[in-house]
């Protein structure tokens, strides 16, 4: 697949819209012309290994500093992009293995994404603050909030909308896209509520590829965990899937990961290892995403 096809399917094909829940007005977001990427070839899926002047790269790790992320402020939506998305394009930041999108979104009160399509992508939403209303073409109408995990397997195609139900406060959530290991599956939706105490000073599994496992399920050999550690607490994380890597997104506080300092909203990727050590230098909350490094 060439880059223009990739961008149309993976980014521009989302047809993102913004709408006012109160007024019902729909405005199309500004999105780069895909023709501007026509001359660039798409790399095979794998970790990006090119030098990045704002990142520290070691033999089998990469550090994405919080301030080096793409910054898109549309007024109604303020989004920080760890990887290339919409108007933010960085050839060194296309993905980490099959982890394609990691957006740190803040949506203004009463605003949201109008109905738009997705296909052949595993889409995970993790609310951090506020209430986010979801509606989709499968007939689901739900509200997700902190402590909930939502997943959609877009498969052959779905349409959905997301709105901030709060009229006086912003909603904050992580939007994560993972390439599936099966294409054109029947679309599916899942949402669960987790016990927040189950991540206090331990790792809480929130996603896996197995139907009988903890967390929501996706069509990929991936596992996600959340941890909320007090200062000084440490743990080892053992890689579950052969050939997988781990990308840690630090939500709050400061971590030490295999000797690397990882601050608030930094992302740290590591591969070609069986185990990593994570220590909280301060009270910290973080997300661990274990994913295949190649398709």
C-alpha atoms as a PDB file:
ATOM      1  CA  UNK A   1       0.000   0.000   0.000  1.00  0.00           C
ATOM      2  CA  UNK A   2       1.471   3.402  -0.927  1.00  0.00           C
ATOM      3  CA  UNK A   3       1.417   6.355   1.461  1.00  0.00           C
ATOM      4  CA  UNK A   4      -1.517   8.163  -0.119  1.00  0.00           C
ATOM      5  CA  UNK A   5      -3.674   5.030   0.205  1.00  0.00           C
ATOM      6  CA  UNK A   6      -2.439   4.546   3.761  1.00  0.00           C
ATOM      7  CA  UNK A   7      -3.315   8.088   4.767  1.00  0.00           C
ATOM      8  CA  UNK A   8      -6.718   7.925   3.145  1.00  0.00           C
ATOM      9  CA  UNK A   9      -7.556   4.692   4.951  1.00  0.00           C
ATOM     10  CA  UNK A  10      -5.741   5.227   8.233  1.00  0.00           C
ATOM     11  CA  UNK A  11      -6.138   8.962   8.735  1.00  0.00           C
ATOM     12  CA  UNK A  12      -8.194  10.846   6.193  1.00  0.00           C
ATOM     13  CA  UNK A  13     -10.642   7.995   5.849  1.00  0.00           C
ATOM     14  CA  UNK A  14     -11.868   8.671   9.340  1.00  0.00           C
ATOM     15  CA  UNK A  15     -13.818  11.644   8.028  1.00  0.00           C
ATOM     16  CA  UNK A  16     -13.560  13.383  11.395  1.00  0.00           C
ATOM     17  CA  UNK A  17     -16.143  16.037  12.103  1.00  0.00           C
ATOM     18  CA  UNK A  18     -16.808  18.409  14.948  1.00  0.00           C
ATOM     19  CA  UNK A  19     -20.321  19.180  16.050  1.00  0.00           C
ATOM     20  CA  UNK A  20     -22.037  21.190  18.728  1.00  0.00           C
ATOM     21  CA  UNK A  21     -24.285  18.901  20.716  1.00  0.00           C
ATOM     22  CA  UNK A  22     -26.500  21.816  21.624  1.00  0.00           C
ATOM     23  CA  UNK A  23     -26.870  23.383  18.172  1.00  0.00           C
ATOM     24  CA  UNK A  24     -26.286  20.383  15.945  1.00  0.00           C
ATOM     25  CA  UNK A  25     -23.918  22.341  13.698  1.00  0.00           C
ATOM     26  CA  UNK A  26     -21.370  20.215  11.874  1.00  0.00           C
ATOM     27  CA  UNK A  27     -18.048  21.543  10.660  1.00  0.00           C
ATOM     28  CA  UNK A  28     -15.341  19.555   8.909  1.00  0.00           C
ATOM     29  CA  UNK A  29     -11.902  19.588  10.478  1.00  0.00           C
ATOM     30  CA  UNK A  30      -8.929  20.926   8.547  1.00  0.00           C
ATOM     31  CA  UNK A  31      -6.941  17.922   7.319  1.00  0.00           C
ATOM     32  CA  UNK A  32      -3.830  17.878   5.154  1.00  0.00           C
ATOM     33  CA  UNK A  33      -4.143  17.137   1.459  1.00  0.00           C
ATOM     34  CA  UNK A  34      -2.941  13.532   1.020  1.00  0.00           C
ATOM     35  CA  UNK A  35      -1.405  14.451  -2.321  1.00  0.00           C
ATOM     36  CA  UNK A  36       1.378  16.220  -0.405  1.00  0.00           C
ATOM     37  CA  UNK A  37       2.659  12.766   0.620  1.00  0.00           C
ATOM     38  CA  UNK A  38       2.427  11.232  -2.851  1.00  0.00           C
ATOM     39  CA  UNK A  39       6.182  11.057  -3.382  1.00  0.00           C
ATOM     40  CA  UNK A  40       6.926   9.320  -0.091  1.00  0.00           C
ATOM     41  CA  UNK A  41       6.929   5.546   0.250  1.00  0.00           C
ATOM     42  CA  UNK A  42       5.269   3.824   3.203  1.00  0.00           C
ATOM     43  CA  UNK A  43       7.623   1.880   5.461  1.00  0.00           C
ATOM     44  CA  UNK A  44       6.677  -1.628   6.448  1.00  0.00           C
ATOM     45  CA  UNK A  45       5.096  -1.805   9.878  1.00  0.00           C
ATOM     46  CA  UNK A  46       7.778  -1.894  12.548  1.00  0.00           C
ATOM     47  CA  UNK A  47       9.326   0.465  15.051  1.00  0.00           C
ATOM     48  CA  UNK A  48      10.505   3.798  13.638  1.00  0.00           C
ATOM     49  CA  UNK A  49      14.270   3.759  13.869  1.00  0.00           C
ATOM     50  CA  UNK A  50      15.335   7.044  12.291  1.00  0.00           C
ATOM     51  CA  UNK A  51      17.098   9.600  14.526  1.00  0.00           C
ATOM     52  CA  UNK A  52      14.818  12.203  16.064  1.00  0.00           C
ATOM     53  CA  UNK A  53      16.449  15.395  17.292  1.00  0.00           C
ATOM     54  CA  UNK A  54      13.916  15.746  20.106  1.00  0.00           C
ATOM     55  CA  UNK A  55      14.079  12.121  21.255  1.00  0.00           C
ATOM     56  CA  UNK A  56      16.723  10.055  23.001  1.00  0.00           C
ATOM     57  CA  UNK A  57      17.310   6.821  21.138  1.00  0.00           C
ATOM     58  CA  UNK A  58      19.282   3.875  22.457  1.00  0.00           C
ATOM     59  CA  UNK A  59      19.854   0.525  20.818  1.00  0.00           C
ATOM     60  CA  UNK A  60      16.420  -0.900  21.561  1.00  0.00           C
ATOM     61  CA  UNK A  61      14.501   2.046  23.006  1.00  0.00           C
ATOM     62  CA  UNK A  62      12.981   5.334  21.983  1.00  0.00           C
ATOM     63  CA  UNK A  63      11.869   8.244  24.146  1.00  0.00           C
ATOM     64  CA  UNK A  64       9.199  10.652  22.909  1.00  0.00           C
ATOM     65  CA  UNK A  65       9.192  13.713  25.143  1.00  0.00           C
ATOM     66  CA  UNK A  66       5.829  15.257  25.940  1.00  0.00           C
ATOM     67  CA  UNK A  67       6.736  18.596  24.351  1.00  0.00           C
ATOM     68  CA  UNK A  68       7.829  16.886  21.106  1.00  0.00           C
ATOM     69  CA  UNK A  69       4.306  15.638  20.331  1.00  0.00           C
ATOM     70  CA  UNK A  70       2.135  17.153  17.613  1.00  0.00           C
ATOM     71  CA  UNK A  71      -0.067  19.930  19.021  1.00  0.00           C
ATOM     72  CA  UNK A  72      -3.448  20.560  17.373  1.00  0.00           C
ATOM     73  CA  UNK A  73      -5.675  23.153  19.035  1.00  0.00           C
ATOM     74  CA  UNK A  74      -8.994  23.584  17.220  1.00  0.00           C
ATOM     75  CA  UNK A  75     -10.625  25.481  20.075  1.00  0.00           C
ATOM     76  CA  UNK A  76     -13.313  22.859  20.690  1.00  0.00           C
ATOM     77  CA  UNK A  77     -10.628  20.137  20.614  1.00  0.00           C
ATOM     78  CA  UNK A  78      -7.061  20.257  21.908  1.00  0.00           C
ATOM     79  CA  UNK A  79      -5.196  17.125  20.860  1.00  0.00           C
ATOM     80  CA  UNK A  80      -1.617  16.046  21.463  1.00  0.00           C
ATOM     81  CA  UNK A  81      -0.445  13.486  18.883  1.00  0.00           C
ATOM     82  CA  UNK A  82       2.333  11.061  19.807  1.00  0.00           C
ATOM     83  CA  UNK A  83       2.261   9.707  16.242  1.00  0.00           C
ATOM     84  CA  UNK A  84       1.453  11.354  12.917  1.00  0.00           C
ATOM     85  CA  UNK A  85      -2.238  12.183  12.665  1.00  0.00           C
ATOM     86  CA  UNK A  86      -4.299  14.567  10.500  1.00  0.00           C
ATOM     87  CA  UNK A  87      -2.319  17.836  10.173  1.00  0.00           C
ATOM     88  CA  UNK A  88       0.616  16.533  12.211  1.00  0.00           C
ATOM     89  CA  UNK A  89       3.032  14.622   9.984  1.00  0.00           C
ATOM     90  CA  UNK A  90       6.425  13.379  11.119  1.00  0.00           C
ATOM     91  CA  UNK A  91       8.048  10.517   9.161  1.00  0.00           C
ATOM     92  CA  UNK A  92       9.853   9.416  12.340  1.00  0.00           C
ATOM     93  CA  UNK A  93       6.558   9.226  14.221  1.00  0.00           C
ATOM     94  CA  UNK A  94       4.267   7.038  12.114  1.00  0.00           C
ATOM     95  CA  UNK A  95       3.782   4.225  14.625  1.00  0.00           C
ATOM     96  CA  UNK A  96       5.401   1.976  17.195  1.00  0.00           C
ATOM     97  CA  UNK A  97       4.953  -1.511  15.811  1.00  0.00           C
ATOM     98  CA  UNK A  98       1.213  -1.948  15.262  1.00  0.00           C
ATOM     99  CA  UNK A  99       0.428   0.931  17.645  1.00  0.00           C
ATOM    100  CA  UNK A 100      -0.664   3.516  15.091  1.00  0.00           C
ATOM    101  CA  UNK A 101      -2.355   6.369  16.994  1.00  0.00           C
ATOM    102  CA  UNK A 102      -1.989   7.717  20.524  1.00  0.00           C
ATOM    103  CA  UNK A 103      -3.962  10.941  20.890  1.00  0.00           C
ATOM    104  CA  UNK A 104      -4.253  12.793  24.187  1.00  0.00           C
ATOM    105  CA  UNK A 105      -7.566  14.627  23.650  1.00  0.00           C
ATOM    106  CA  UNK A 106      -9.386  17.388  25.513  1.00  0.00           C
ATOM    107  CA  UNK A 107     -12.896  18.178  24.215  1.00  0.00           C
ATOM    108  CA  UNK A 108     -14.657  21.372  25.263  1.00  0.00           C
ATOM    109  CA  UNK A 109     -18.003  21.325  27.098  1.00  0.00           C
ATOM    110  CA  UNK A 110     -20.954  20.388  24.872  1.00  0.00           C
ATOM    111  CA  UNK A 111     -18.741  19.643  21.859  1.00  0.00           C
ATOM    112  CA  UNK A 112     -17.579  16.484  20.122  1.00  0.00           C
ATOM    113  CA  UNK A 113     -16.946  14.428  17.007  1.00  0.00           C
ATOM    114  CA  UNK A 114     -19.956  14.108  14.695  1.00  0.00           C
ATOM    115  CA  UNK A 115     -20.766  10.837  12.935  1.00  0.00           C
ATOM    116  CA  UNK A 116     -17.758   9.569  10.993  1.00  0.00           C
ATOM    117  CA  UNK A 117     -16.580   6.197   9.575  1.00  0.00           C
ATOM    118  CA  UNK A 118     -13.775   3.789  10.434  1.00  0.00           C
ATOM    119  CA  UNK A 119     -12.712   0.447   8.988  1.00  0.00           C
ATOM    120  CA  UNK A 120     -10.088  -2.221   9.719  1.00  0.00           C
ATOM    121  CA  UNK A 121      -8.746  -0.653  12.882  1.00  0.00           C
ATOM    122  CA  UNK A 122      -8.916  -1.543  16.577  1.00  0.00           C
ATOM    123  CA  UNK A 123      -9.918   1.665  18.387  1.00  0.00           C
ATOM    124  CA  UNK A 124      -9.528   1.989  22.142  1.00  0.00           C
ATOM    125  CA  UNK A 125     -10.780   4.912  24.238  1.00  0.00           C
ATOM    126  CA  UNK A 126      -9.627   5.469  27.820  1.00  0.00           C
ATOM    127  CA  UNK A 127     -11.461   8.333  29.580  1.00  0.00           C
ATOM    128  CA  UNK A 128      -9.404  10.352  32.053  1.00  0.00           C
ATOM    129  CA  UNK A 129     -11.889  13.046  33.111  1.00  0.00           C
ATOM    130  CA  UNK A 130     -15.548  13.821  32.390  1.00  0.00           C
ATOM    131  CA  UNK A 131     -18.284  11.950  30.516  1.00  0.00           C
ATOM    132  CA  UNK A 132     -18.052  11.007  26.835  1.00  0.00           C
ATOM    133  CA  UNK A 133     -21.216   9.915  25.029  1.00  0.00           C
ATOM    134  CA  UNK A 134     -20.820   7.342  22.264  1.00  0.00           C
ATOM    135  CA  UNK A 135     -23.311   6.398  19.522  1.00  0.00           C
ATOM    136  CA  UNK A 136     -22.628   4.034  16.628  1.00  0.00           C
ATOM    137  CA  UNK A 137     -24.156   2.313  13.613  1.00  0.00           C
ATOM    138  CA  UNK A 138     -24.359  -0.968  15.562  1.00  0.00           C
ATOM    139  CA  UNK A 139     -27.039   0.569  17.776  1.00  0.00           C
ATOM    140  CA  UNK A 140     -24.888   1.262  20.832  1.00  0.00           C
ATOM    141  CA  UNK A 141     -25.558   4.415  22.851  1.00  0.00           C
ATOM    142  CA  UNK A 142     -23.364   4.610  25.935  1.00  0.00           C
ATOM    143  CA  UNK A 143     -21.470   6.999  28.175  1.00  0.00           C
ATOM    144  CA  UNK A 144     -17.880   6.303  29.203  1.00  0.00           C
ATOM    145  CA  UNK A 145     -16.038   7.926  32.099  1.00  0.00           C
ATOM    146  CA  UNK A 146     -12.859   7.491  34.111  1.00  0.00           C
ATOM    147  CA  UNK A 147     -12.554   3.822  35.062  1.00  0.00           C
ATOM    148  CA  UNK A 148     -14.172   2.629  31.835  1.00  0.00           C
ATOM    149  CA  UNK A 149     -12.411   1.116  28.825  1.00  0.00           C
ATOM    150  CA  UNK A 150     -14.072   1.164  25.399  1.00  0.00           C
ATOM    151  CA  UNK A 151     -13.024  -0.783  22.315  1.00  0.00           C
ATOM    152  CA  UNK A 152     -14.344  -0.942  18.762  1.00  0.00           C
ATOM    153  CA  UNK A 153     -13.220  -3.429  16.156  1.00  0.00           C
ATOM    154  CA  UNK A 154     -14.102  -1.434  13.048  1.00  0.00           C
ATOM    155  CA  UNK A 155     -13.620  -4.377  10.677  1.00  0.00           C
ATOM    156  CA  UNK A 156     -15.741  -4.069   7.526  1.00  0.00           C
ATOM    157  CA  UNK A 157     -16.860  -0.604   8.592  1.00  0.00           C
ATOM    158  CA  UNK A 158     -18.697   1.320  11.291  1.00  0.00           C
ATOM    159  CA  UNK A 159     -19.850   4.868  11.910  1.00  0.00           C
ATOM    160  CA  UNK A 160     -19.910   6.536  15.297  1.00  0.00           C
ATOM    161  CA  UNK A 161     -20.005   9.866  17.110  1.00  0.00           C
ATOM    162  CA  UNK A 162     -18.517  11.045  20.404  1.00  0.00           C
ATOM    163  CA  UNK A 163     -19.721  14.022  22.455  1.00  0.00           C
ATOM    164  CA  UNK A 164     -18.836  15.666  25.713  1.00  0.00           C
ATOM    165  CA  UNK A 165     -22.017  15.359  27.753  1.00  0.00           C
ATOM    166  CA  UNK A 166     -20.847  17.954  30.263  1.00  0.00           C
ATOM    167  CA  UNK A 167     -22.112  21.494  29.685  1.00  0.00           C
ATOM    168  CA  UNK A 168     -19.632  23.149  32.035  1.00  0.00           C
ATOM    169  CA  UNK A 169     -16.450  21.029  31.958  1.00  0.00           C
ATOM    170  CA  UNK A 170     -14.048  19.543  29.424  1.00  0.00           C
ATOM    171  CA  UNK A 171     -13.703  15.827  28.869  1.00  0.00           C
ATOM    172  CA  UNK A 172     -10.252  14.249  28.570  1.00  0.00           C
ATOM    173  CA  UNK A 173      -9.497  10.859  27.082  1.00  0.00           C
ATOM    174  CA  UNK A 174      -6.866   8.821  25.260  1.00  0.00           C
ATOM    175  CA  UNK A 175      -7.745   7.702  21.737  1.00  0.00           C
ATOM    176  CA  UNK A 176      -5.623   4.757  20.643  1.00  0.00           C
ATOM    177  CA  UNK A 177      -5.576   2.936  17.301  1.00  0.00           C
ATOM    178  CA  UNK A 178      -3.981  -0.476  16.753  1.00  0.00           C
ATOM    179  CA  UNK A 179      -3.630  -2.233  13.407  1.00  0.00           C
ATOM    180  CA  UNK A 180      -5.609  -5.524  13.577  1.00  0.00           C
ATOM    181  CA  UNK A 181      -4.196  -8.945  12.765  1.00  0.00           C
ATOM    182  CA  UNK A 182      -7.430  -9.812  10.939  1.00  0.00           C
ATOM    183  CA  UNK A 183      -9.047  -7.619   8.313  1.00  0.00           C
ATOM    184  CA  UNK A 184     -12.707  -7.278   7.399  1.00  0.00           C
ATOM    185  CA  UNK A 185     -14.016  -8.866  10.576  1.00  0.00           C
ATOM    186  CA  UNK A 186     -17.590  -8.260  11.702  1.00  0.00           C
ATOM    187  CA  UNK A 187     -17.597  -4.942  13.593  1.00  0.00           C
ATOM    188  CA  UNK A 188     -17.954  -5.244  17.348  1.00  0.00           C
ATOM    189  CA  UNK A 189     -18.186  -2.976  20.396  1.00  0.00           C
ATOM    190  CA  UNK A 190     -17.242  -3.600  24.002  1.00  0.00           C
ATOM    191  CA  UNK A 191     -17.075  -1.492  27.144  1.00  0.00           C
ATOM    192  CA  UNK A 192     -16.241  -2.433  30.716  1.00  0.00           C
ATOM    193  CA  UNK A 193     -15.902  -0.634  34.043  1.00  0.00           C
ATOM    194  CA  UNK A 194     -12.782  -1.397  36.036  1.00  0.00           C
ATOM    195  CA  UNK A 195     -12.083  -1.148  39.743  1.00  0.00           C
ATOM    196  CA  UNK A 196      -9.673   1.750  40.177  1.00  0.00           C
ATOM    197  CA  UNK A 197      -8.250   0.194  43.348  1.00  0.00           C
ATOM    198  CA  UNK A 198      -7.042  -2.785  41.282  1.00  0.00           C
ATOM    199  CA  UNK A 199      -4.277  -0.630  39.767  1.00  0.00           C
ATOM    200  CA  UNK A 200      -3.007   0.812  43.072  1.00  0.00           C
ATOM    201  CA  UNK A 201       0.629  -0.274  43.391  1.00  0.00           C
ATOM    202  CA  UNK A 202       0.094  -3.079  40.881  1.00  0.00           C
ATOM    203  CA  UNK A 203      -0.561  -3.559  37.187  1.00  0.00           C
ATOM    204  CA  UNK A 204      -4.211  -3.873  36.125  1.00  0.00           C
ATOM    205  CA  UNK A 205      -4.759  -5.627  32.805  1.00  0.00           C
ATOM    206  CA  UNK A 206      -7.317  -3.733  30.730  1.00  0.00           C
ATOM    207  CA  UNK A 207      -6.976  -5.324  27.266  1.00  0.00           C
ATOM    208  CA  UNK A 208      -5.892  -8.603  25.708  1.00  0.00           C
ATOM    209  CA  UNK A 209      -6.451 -10.788  22.619  1.00  0.00           C
ATOM    210  CA  UNK A 210      -8.327 -13.439  24.620  1.00  0.00           C
ATOM    211  CA  UNK A 211     -12.065 -13.631  25.249  1.00  0.00           C
ATOM    212  CA  UNK A 212     -11.648 -15.275  28.658  1.00  0.00           C
ATOM    213  CA  UNK A 213      -8.954 -12.869  29.864  1.00  0.00           C
ATOM    214  CA  UNK A 214      -9.159  -9.678  31.919  1.00  0.00           C
ATOM    215  CA  UNK A 215     -10.111  -6.467  30.129  1.00  0.00           C
ATOM    216  CA  UNK A 216     -11.589  -5.818  26.701  1.00  0.00           C
ATOM    217  CA  UNK A 217     -10.568  -7.870  23.662  1.00  0.00           C
ATOM    218  CA  UNK A 218      -9.037  -6.801  20.355  1.00  0.00           C
ATOM    219  CA  UNK A 219      -7.991  -8.562  17.150  1.00  0.00           C
ATOM    220  CA  UNK A 220      -4.276  -8.301  17.854  1.00  0.00           C
ATOM    221  CA  UNK A 221      -1.642 -10.025  19.957  1.00  0.00           C
ATOM    222  CA  UNK A 222      -1.542  -7.088  22.378  1.00  0.00           C
ATOM    223  CA  UNK A 223      -1.946  -6.492  26.105  1.00  0.00           C
ATOM    224  CA  UNK A 224      -2.567  -3.179  27.888  1.00  0.00           C
ATOM    225  CA  UNK A 225      -2.112  -2.497  31.614  1.00  0.00           C
ATOM    226  CA  UNK A 226      -2.677   0.533  33.846  1.00  0.00           C
ATOM    227  CA  UNK A 227      -0.714   1.198  37.004  1.00  0.00           C
ATOM    228  CA  UNK A 228      -1.100   3.815  39.739  1.00  0.00           C
ATOM    229  CA  UNK A 229       1.985   3.600  41.909  1.00  0.00           C
ATOM    230  CA  UNK A 230       2.977   5.400  45.078  1.00  0.00           C
ATOM    231  CA  UNK A 231       6.464   6.900  45.212  1.00  0.00           C
ATOM    232  CA  UNK A 232       9.123   4.211  45.498  1.00  0.00           C
ATOM    233  CA  UNK A 233       6.973   1.301  44.291  1.00  0.00           C
ATOM    234  CA  UNK A 234       8.620  -0.835  41.591  1.00  0.00           C
ATOM    235  CA  UNK A 235       7.621  -3.842  39.513  1.00  0.00           C
ATOM    236  CA  UNK A 236       8.836  -5.972  36.626  1.00  0.00           C
ATOM    237  CA  UNK A 237       6.756  -6.384  33.476  1.00  0.00           C
ATOM    238  CA  UNK A 238       7.326  -9.592  31.515  1.00  0.00           C
ATOM    239  CA  UNK A 239       6.656  -9.564  27.767  1.00  0.00           C
ATOM    240  CA  UNK A 240       3.764 -11.889  26.939  1.00  0.00           C
ATOM    241  CA  UNK A 241       4.038 -12.194  23.153  1.00  0.00           C
ATOM    242  CA  UNK A 242       7.180 -13.324  21.341  1.00  0.00           C
ATOM    243  CA  UNK A 243       8.641 -10.455  19.328  1.00  0.00           C
ATOM    244  CA  UNK A 244       6.449  -7.857  21.033  1.00  0.00           C
ATOM    245  CA  UNK A 245       7.609  -4.476  22.255  1.00  0.00           C
ATOM    246  CA  UNK A 246       6.253  -2.229  24.980  1.00  0.00           C
ATOM    247  CA  UNK A 247       5.267   1.422  24.775  1.00  0.00           C
ATOM    248  CA  UNK A 248       4.736   3.165  28.125  1.00  0.00           C
ATOM    249  CA  UNK A 249       2.752   6.404  28.243  1.00  0.00           C
ATOM    250  CA  UNK A 250       3.214   8.163  31.558  1.00  0.00           C
ATOM    251  CA  UNK A 251       0.031   9.970  32.597  1.00  0.00           C
ATOM    252  CA  UNK A 252       1.265  11.620  35.789  1.00  0.00           C
ATOM    253  CA  UNK A 253       4.414  11.763  37.869  1.00  0.00           C
ATOM    254  CA  UNK A 254       7.907  10.535  37.055  1.00  0.00           C
ATOM    255  CA  UNK A 255       9.011   6.978  36.284  1.00  0.00           C
ATOM    256  CA  UNK A 256      12.294   5.150  35.954  1.00  0.00           C
ATOM    257  CA  UNK A 257      12.008   2.519  33.212  1.00  0.00           C
ATOM    258  CA  UNK A 258      15.129   0.395  32.817  1.00  0.00           C
ATOM    259  CA  UNK A 259      17.187   3.399  33.937  1.00  0.00           C
ATOM    260  CA  UNK A 260      15.420   5.875  31.636  1.00  0.00           C
ATOM    261  CA  UNK A 261      13.686   8.876  33.241  1.00  0.00           C
ATOM    262  CA  UNK A 262      10.113   9.141  31.904  1.00  0.00           C
ATOM    263  CA  UNK A 263       8.232  12.295  32.895  1.00  0.00           C
ATOM    264  CA  UNK A 264       4.553  13.237  32.725  1.00  0.00           C
ATOM    265  CA  UNK A 265       3.077  12.654  29.239  1.00  0.00           C
ATOM    266  CA  UNK A 266       6.369  11.245  27.913  1.00  0.00           C
ATOM    267  CA  UNK A 267       6.205   8.050  25.867  1.00  0.00           C
ATOM    268  CA  UNK A 268       8.914   5.391  26.101  1.00  0.00           C
ATOM    269  CA  UNK A 269       9.197   2.409  23.761  1.00  0.00           C
ATOM    270  CA  UNK A 270      11.380  -0.650  24.231  1.00  0.00           C
ATOM    271  CA  UNK A 271      11.795  -3.844  22.205  1.00  0.00           C
ATOM    272  CA  UNK A 272      14.111  -6.871  21.884  1.00  0.00           C
ATOM    273  CA  UNK A 273      13.763  -7.635  25.592  1.00  0.00           C
ATOM    274  CA  UNK A 274      11.898 -10.130  27.745  1.00  0.00           C
ATOM    275  CA  UNK A 275      11.359  -8.016  30.854  1.00  0.00           C
ATOM    276  CA  UNK A 276      11.374  -4.373  31.898  1.00  0.00           C
ATOM    277  CA  UNK A 277      11.596  -2.738  35.316  1.00  0.00           C
ATOM    278  CA  UNK A 278       9.336   0.179  36.222  1.00  0.00           C
ATOM    279  CA  UNK A 279       9.830   2.298  39.336  1.00  0.00           C
ATOM    280  CA  UNK A 280       7.781   5.295  40.441  1.00  0.00           C
ATOM    281  CA  UNK A 281      10.095   8.161  41.401  1.00  0.00           C
ATOM    282  CA  UNK A 282       6.989  10.100  42.471  1.00  0.00           C
ATOM    283  CA  UNK A 283       3.331   9.154  42.786  1.00  0.00           C
ATOM    284  CA  UNK A 284       2.614   8.128  39.187  1.00  0.00           C
ATOM    285  CA  UNK A 285      -0.060   6.737  36.887  1.00  0.00           C
ATOM    286  CA  UNK A 286       0.891   5.135  33.593  1.00  0.00           C
ATOM    287  CA  UNK A 287      -0.318   3.008  30.678  1.00  0.00           C
ATOM    288  CA  UNK A 288       1.640   0.003  29.372  1.00  0.00           C
ATOM    289  CA  UNK A 289       0.889  -1.062  25.781  1.00  0.00           C
ATOM    290  CA  UNK A 290       2.495  -4.317  24.657  1.00  0.00           C
ATOM    291  CA  UNK A 291       2.170  -4.736  20.890  1.00  0.00           C
ATOM    292  CA  UNK A 292       3.719  -6.719  18.026  1.00  0.00           C
ATOM    293  CA  UNK A 293       6.588  -4.840  16.404  1.00  0.00           C
ATOM    294  CA  UNK A 294       5.802  -6.139  12.911  1.00  0.00           C
ATOM    295  CA  UNK A 295       2.616  -7.009  11.082  1.00  0.00           C
END
